[in-house]
């Protein structure tokens, strides 16, 4: 072993690293970022044009991302609630479980909520439920396709209130007008 002046075995032709440099090299080998003095450019970073002439780079104040206003999500939620349409689905066979019904209803549009009660004593599912669609178009498709459809010999009943019926008519009319303009 030779103190500081000689070459360690196996590194012929290379000068030994100073202890601090050896520690930094070992840290970088394990994926740690290189040591950097505060306010200094990291080693290996290309110099900008201002630094080439000896001037420090212009400091820019950090910019914060714009915060969305609180009103936007509330307005979107109100619009979604106004546009959502709840349907009554009745005469459901007891063999059709909740997952089956939810998947069936999801074929017509995005289902926000499917609510089917069960008997607290027996645990048997009720023969009806309420489905809330994200938009009236999904409700219109559901009414058109499922009303009167027979599941295990029982014809499904699909109904909605007058408000939803008006929304469905409005959306249908808008789609017809858009098709005629195109």
C-alpha atoms as a PDB file:
ATOM      1  CA  UNK A   1       0.000   0.000   0.000  1.00  0.00           C
ATOM      2  CA  UNK A   2       1.433   3.341  -1.024  1.00  0.00           C
ATOM      3  CA  UNK A   3       0.293   6.577   0.635  1.00  0.00           C
ATOM      4  CA  UNK A   4      -1.157   9.230  -1.742  1.00  0.00           C
ATOM      5  CA  UNK A   5       1.769   9.366  -4.163  1.00  0.00           C
ATOM      6  CA  UNK A   6       1.759   5.972  -5.747  1.00  0.00           C
ATOM      7  CA  UNK A   7      -0.662   4.174  -7.981  1.00  0.00           C
ATOM      8  CA  UNK A   8      -3.045   1.692  -6.458  1.00  0.00           C
ATOM      9  CA  UNK A   9      -2.911  -1.688  -8.112  1.00  0.00           C
ATOM     10  CA  UNK A  10      -5.276  -2.093 -11.067  1.00  0.00           C
ATOM     11  CA  UNK A  11      -5.473   1.610 -12.024  1.00  0.00           C
ATOM     12  CA  UNK A  12      -2.308   1.935 -14.049  1.00  0.00           C
ATOM     13  CA  UNK A  13      -2.017   5.260 -15.851  1.00  0.00           C
ATOM     14  CA  UNK A  14      -4.751   7.021 -13.830  1.00  0.00           C
ATOM     15  CA  UNK A  15      -4.313   9.371 -10.926  1.00  0.00           C
ATOM     16  CA  UNK A  16      -6.122   8.352  -7.758  1.00  0.00           C
ATOM     17  CA  UNK A  17      -9.286  10.279  -6.926  1.00  0.00           C
ATOM     18  CA  UNK A  18      -9.457  12.563  -3.931  1.00  0.00           C
ATOM     19  CA  UNK A  19     -11.617  11.059  -1.150  1.00  0.00           C
ATOM     20  CA  UNK A  20     -14.539  13.490  -1.750  1.00  0.00           C
ATOM     21  CA  UNK A  21     -14.459  12.910  -5.507  1.00  0.00           C
ATOM     22  CA  UNK A  22     -14.431   9.162  -4.939  1.00  0.00           C
ATOM     23  CA  UNK A  23     -17.521   9.450  -2.741  1.00  0.00           C
ATOM     24  CA  UNK A  24     -19.333  11.564  -5.377  1.00  0.00           C
ATOM     25  CA  UNK A  25     -18.444   9.089  -8.120  1.00  0.00           C
ATOM     26  CA  UNK A  26     -19.723   6.217  -5.972  1.00  0.00           C
ATOM     27  CA  UNK A  27     -22.970   8.089  -5.252  1.00  0.00           C
ATOM     28  CA  UNK A  28     -23.516   8.718  -8.975  1.00  0.00           C
ATOM     29  CA  UNK A  29     -22.911   5.056  -9.706  1.00  0.00           C
ATOM     30  CA  UNK A  30     -25.898   4.246  -7.494  1.00  0.00           C
ATOM     31  CA  UNK A  31     -28.193   6.689  -9.327  1.00  0.00           C
ATOM     32  CA  UNK A  32     -27.890   9.596  -6.905  1.00  0.00           C
ATOM     33  CA  UNK A  33     -27.760  13.090  -8.442  1.00  0.00           C
ATOM     34  CA  UNK A  34     -24.360  14.776  -8.635  1.00  0.00           C
ATOM     35  CA  UNK A  35     -23.359  17.101  -5.823  1.00  0.00           C
ATOM     36  CA  UNK A  36     -24.128  20.703  -6.684  1.00  0.00           C
ATOM     37  CA  UNK A  37     -23.421  23.968  -4.938  1.00  0.00           C
ATOM     38  CA  UNK A  38     -26.466  26.211  -4.506  1.00  0.00           C
ATOM     39  CA  UNK A  39     -26.732  28.805  -7.270  1.00  0.00           C
ATOM     40  CA  UNK A  40     -24.209  27.026  -9.504  1.00  0.00           C
ATOM     41  CA  UNK A  41     -24.862  25.256 -12.785  1.00  0.00           C
ATOM     42  CA  UNK A  42     -24.420  21.470 -12.545  1.00  0.00           C
ATOM     43  CA  UNK A  43     -21.324  20.008 -14.144  1.00  0.00           C
ATOM     44  CA  UNK A  44     -21.967  18.932 -17.713  1.00  0.00           C
ATOM     45  CA  UNK A  45     -24.690  21.521 -18.362  1.00  0.00           C
ATOM     46  CA  UNK A  46     -24.024  23.487 -21.581  1.00  0.00           C
ATOM     47  CA  UNK A  47     -23.317  27.154 -20.996  1.00  0.00           C
ATOM     48  CA  UNK A  48     -25.913  29.637 -22.190  1.00  0.00           C
ATOM     49  CA  UNK A  49     -24.942  32.683 -24.252  1.00  0.00           C
ATOM     50  CA  UNK A  50     -25.125  35.004 -21.250  1.00  0.00           C
ATOM     51  CA  UNK A  51     -22.732  32.813 -19.280  1.00  0.00           C
ATOM     52  CA  UNK A  52     -20.261  32.731 -22.160  1.00  0.00           C
ATOM     53  CA  UNK A  53     -19.588  36.454 -21.653  1.00  0.00           C
ATOM     54  CA  UNK A  54     -19.209  36.201 -17.895  1.00  0.00           C
ATOM     55  CA  UNK A  55     -22.672  37.483 -17.007  1.00  0.00           C
ATOM     56  CA  UNK A  56     -24.851  35.456 -14.677  1.00  0.00           C
ATOM     57  CA  UNK A  57     -28.077  34.114 -16.185  1.00  0.00           C
ATOM     58  CA  UNK A  58     -31.187  36.222 -15.695  1.00  0.00           C
ATOM     59  CA  UNK A  59     -33.228  34.979 -12.774  1.00  0.00           C
ATOM     60  CA  UNK A  60     -36.879  34.445 -13.617  1.00  0.00           C
ATOM     61  CA  UNK A  61     -39.436  34.305 -10.829  1.00  0.00           C
ATOM     62  CA  UNK A  62     -41.061  30.881 -10.577  1.00  0.00           C
ATOM     63  CA  UNK A  63     -44.452  30.793 -12.251  1.00  0.00           C
ATOM     64  CA  UNK A  64     -47.271  29.060 -10.486  1.00  0.00           C
ATOM     65  CA  UNK A  65     -49.810  27.145 -12.535  1.00  0.00           C
ATOM     66  CA  UNK A  66     -53.168  28.846 -12.779  1.00  0.00           C
ATOM     67  CA  UNK A  67     -55.571  27.469 -10.218  1.00  0.00           C
ATOM     68  CA  UNK A  68     -58.948  26.535 -11.683  1.00  0.00           C
ATOM     69  CA  UNK A  69     -61.735  28.464 -10.104  1.00  0.00           C
ATOM     70  CA  UNK A  70     -63.953  26.707  -7.607  1.00  0.00           C
ATOM     71  CA  UNK A  71     -66.988  27.675  -9.666  1.00  0.00           C
ATOM     72  CA  UNK A  72     -66.029  25.501 -12.653  1.00  0.00           C
ATOM     73  CA  UNK A  73     -66.466  22.098 -10.967  1.00  0.00           C
ATOM     74  CA  UNK A  74     -69.665  23.294  -9.305  1.00  0.00           C
ATOM     75  CA  UNK A  75     -71.050  24.522 -12.622  1.00  0.00           C
ATOM     76  CA  UNK A  76     -70.075  21.290 -14.338  1.00  0.00           C
ATOM     77  CA  UNK A  77     -71.693  19.306 -11.548  1.00  0.00           C
ATOM     78  CA  UNK A  78     -74.887  21.369 -11.827  1.00  0.00           C
ATOM     79  CA  UNK A  79     -74.966  20.930 -15.599  1.00  0.00           C
ATOM     80  CA  UNK A  80     -74.387  17.215 -15.196  1.00  0.00           C
ATOM     81  CA  UNK A  81     -77.188  16.961 -12.657  1.00  0.00           C
ATOM     82  CA  UNK A  82     -79.476  18.937 -14.952  1.00  0.00           C
ATOM     83  CA  UNK A  83     -78.597  16.727 -17.903  1.00  0.00           C
ATOM     84  CA  UNK A  84     -78.672  13.442 -16.005  1.00  0.00           C
ATOM     85  CA  UNK A  85     -81.772  11.355 -16.479  1.00  0.00           C
ATOM     86  CA  UNK A  86     -83.221   8.871 -14.011  1.00  0.00           C
ATOM     87  CA  UNK A  87     -85.313   5.956 -15.257  1.00  0.00           C
ATOM     88  CA  UNK A  88     -87.522   3.475 -13.440  1.00  0.00           C
ATOM     89  CA  UNK A  89     -86.816  -0.109 -14.485  1.00  0.00           C
ATOM     90  CA  UNK A  90     -89.513  -2.506 -13.298  1.00  0.00           C
ATOM     91  CA  UNK A  91     -90.663  -6.123 -13.531  1.00  0.00           C
ATOM     92  CA  UNK A  92     -87.079  -7.384 -13.226  1.00  0.00           C
ATOM     93  CA  UNK A  93     -86.740 -11.111 -12.707  1.00  0.00           C
ATOM     94  CA  UNK A  94     -85.204 -12.197  -9.416  1.00  0.00           C
ATOM     95  CA  UNK A  95     -82.527 -14.131 -11.322  1.00  0.00           C
ATOM     96  CA  UNK A  96     -81.067 -10.939 -12.834  1.00  0.00           C
ATOM     97  CA  UNK A  97     -78.472  -9.715 -10.338  1.00  0.00           C
ATOM     98  CA  UNK A  98     -77.225  -6.137  -9.943  1.00  0.00           C
ATOM     99  CA  UNK A  99     -74.071  -6.650 -12.013  1.00  0.00           C
ATOM    100  CA  UNK A 100     -76.066  -8.039 -14.933  1.00  0.00           C
ATOM    101  CA  UNK A 101     -78.517  -5.133 -14.834  1.00  0.00           C
ATOM    102  CA  UNK A 102     -75.774  -2.516 -14.509  1.00  0.00           C
ATOM    103  CA  UNK A 103     -73.873  -3.990 -17.470  1.00  0.00           C
ATOM    104  CA  UNK A 104     -77.068  -4.178 -19.515  1.00  0.00           C
ATOM    105  CA  UNK A 105     -77.896  -0.539 -18.776  1.00  0.00           C
ATOM    106  CA  UNK A 106     -74.316   0.570 -19.483  1.00  0.00           C
ATOM    107  CA  UNK A 107     -74.781  -0.565 -23.092  1.00  0.00           C
ATOM    108  CA  UNK A 108     -76.982   2.486 -23.678  1.00  0.00           C
ATOM    109  CA  UNK A 109     -74.855   5.174 -22.032  1.00  0.00           C
ATOM    110  CA  UNK A 110     -72.776   6.081 -19.006  1.00  0.00           C
ATOM    111  CA  UNK A 111     -74.547   4.963 -15.835  1.00  0.00           C
ATOM    112  CA  UNK A 112     -73.971   7.336 -12.938  1.00  0.00           C
ATOM    113  CA  UNK A 113     -75.947   5.303 -10.434  1.00  0.00           C
ATOM    114  CA  UNK A 114     -77.899   2.036 -10.362  1.00  0.00           C
ATOM    115  CA  UNK A 115     -80.062   1.589  -7.285  1.00  0.00           C
ATOM    116  CA  UNK A 116     -81.990  -1.625  -6.679  1.00  0.00           C
ATOM    117  CA  UNK A 117     -83.443  -2.300  -3.258  1.00  0.00           C
ATOM    118  CA  UNK A 118     -83.404  -5.635  -1.499  1.00  0.00           C
ATOM    119  CA  UNK A 119     -85.691  -7.104   1.119  1.00  0.00           C
ATOM    120  CA  UNK A 120     -83.970  -6.626   4.510  1.00  0.00           C
ATOM    121  CA  UNK A 121     -85.390  -9.883   5.899  1.00  0.00           C
ATOM    122  CA  UNK A 122     -84.837 -12.314   3.031  1.00  0.00           C
ATOM    123  CA  UNK A 123     -82.091 -10.398   1.189  1.00  0.00           C
ATOM    124  CA  UNK A 124     -83.910 -11.002  -2.104  1.00  0.00           C
ATOM    125  CA  UNK A 125     -83.546  -8.233  -4.691  1.00  0.00           C
ATOM    126  CA  UNK A 126     -86.595  -6.123  -5.490  1.00  0.00           C
ATOM    127  CA  UNK A 127     -88.255  -6.430  -8.889  1.00  0.00           C
ATOM    128  CA  UNK A 128     -87.469  -2.779  -9.704  1.00  0.00           C
ATOM    129  CA  UNK A 129     -84.631  -0.292  -9.644  1.00  0.00           C
ATOM    130  CA  UNK A 130     -83.647   3.237 -10.625  1.00  0.00           C
ATOM    131  CA  UNK A 131     -80.943   4.009 -13.161  1.00  0.00           C
ATOM    132  CA  UNK A 132     -79.389   7.453 -13.532  1.00  0.00           C
ATOM    133  CA  UNK A 133     -77.776   8.076 -16.913  1.00  0.00           C
ATOM    134  CA  UNK A 134     -75.201  10.832 -17.464  1.00  0.00           C
ATOM    135  CA  UNK A 135     -77.192  12.301 -20.332  1.00  0.00           C
ATOM    136  CA  UNK A 136     -80.710  12.096 -21.758  1.00  0.00           C
ATOM    137  CA  UNK A 137     -79.493  10.362 -24.914  1.00  0.00           C
ATOM    138  CA  UNK A 138     -78.529   7.248 -22.936  1.00  0.00           C
ATOM    139  CA  UNK A 139     -81.943   7.286 -21.279  1.00  0.00           C
ATOM    140  CA  UNK A 140     -83.649   7.600 -24.676  1.00  0.00           C
ATOM    141  CA  UNK A 141     -81.710   4.619 -26.033  1.00  0.00           C
ATOM    142  CA  UNK A 142     -82.568   2.594 -22.934  1.00  0.00           C
ATOM    143  CA  UNK A 143     -86.294   3.353 -23.204  1.00  0.00           C
ATOM    144  CA  UNK A 144     -86.321   2.521 -26.909  1.00  0.00           C
ATOM    145  CA  UNK A 145     -84.534  -0.804 -26.481  1.00  0.00           C
ATOM    146  CA  UNK A 146     -85.549  -2.180 -23.083  1.00  0.00           C
ATOM    147  CA  UNK A 147     -89.226  -1.213 -22.791  1.00  0.00           C
ATOM    148  CA  UNK A 148     -91.136  -4.468 -23.241  1.00  0.00           C
ATOM    149  CA  UNK A 149     -87.988  -6.614 -23.580  1.00  0.00           C
ATOM    150  CA  UNK A 150     -88.573 -10.066 -22.078  1.00  0.00           C
ATOM    151  CA  UNK A 151     -86.083 -11.371 -19.543  1.00  0.00           C
ATOM    152  CA  UNK A 152     -86.901 -14.929 -18.481  1.00  0.00           C
ATOM    153  CA  UNK A 153     -90.519 -14.520 -19.538  1.00  0.00           C
ATOM    154  CA  UNK A 154     -91.063 -11.141 -17.827  1.00  0.00           C
ATOM    155  CA  UNK A 155     -91.423  -7.979 -19.932  1.00  0.00           C
ATOM    156  CA  UNK A 156     -89.370  -5.101 -18.531  1.00  0.00           C
ATOM    157  CA  UNK A 157     -91.112  -1.834 -17.715  1.00  0.00           C
ATOM    158  CA  UNK A 158     -89.046   1.301 -18.392  1.00  0.00           C
ATOM    159  CA  UNK A 159     -90.498   4.660 -17.431  1.00  0.00           C
ATOM    160  CA  UNK A 160     -89.454   8.214 -16.561  1.00  0.00           C
ATOM    161  CA  UNK A 161     -91.009  11.411 -15.245  1.00  0.00           C
ATOM    162  CA  UNK A 162     -92.159  14.359 -17.375  1.00  0.00           C
ATOM    163  CA  UNK A 163     -88.982  16.375 -16.784  1.00  0.00           C
ATOM    164  CA  UNK A 164     -86.786  13.574 -18.142  1.00  0.00           C
ATOM    165  CA  UNK A 165     -89.219  13.001 -20.999  1.00  0.00           C
ATOM    166  CA  UNK A 166     -88.882  16.710 -21.912  1.00  0.00           C
ATOM    167  CA  UNK A 167     -85.072  16.512 -21.785  1.00  0.00           C
ATOM    168  CA  UNK A 168     -85.125  13.443 -24.037  1.00  0.00           C
ATOM    169  CA  UNK A 169     -87.364  15.247 -26.533  1.00  0.00           C
ATOM    170  CA  UNK A 170     -85.087  18.316 -26.458  1.00  0.00           C
ATOM    171  CA  UNK A 171     -81.904  16.291 -27.043  1.00  0.00           C
ATOM    172  CA  UNK A 172     -83.555  14.264 -29.790  1.00  0.00           C
ATOM    173  CA  UNK A 173     -84.697  17.462 -31.522  1.00  0.00           C
ATOM    174  CA  UNK A 174     -81.183  18.956 -31.236  1.00  0.00           C
ATOM    175  CA  UNK A 175     -79.669  15.856 -32.821  1.00  0.00           C
ATOM    176  CA  UNK A 176     -82.181  15.931 -35.662  1.00  0.00           C
ATOM    177  CA  UNK A 177     -81.437  19.620 -36.310  1.00  0.00           C
ATOM    178  CA  UNK A 178     -77.677  18.979 -36.232  1.00  0.00           C
ATOM    179  CA  UNK A 179     -78.081  16.131 -38.717  1.00  0.00           C
ATOM    180  CA  UNK A 180     -80.135  18.291 -41.065  1.00  0.00           C
ATOM    181  CA  UNK A 181     -77.497  21.082 -40.983  1.00  0.00           C
ATOM    182  CA  UNK A 182     -74.647  18.710 -41.732  1.00  0.00           C
END
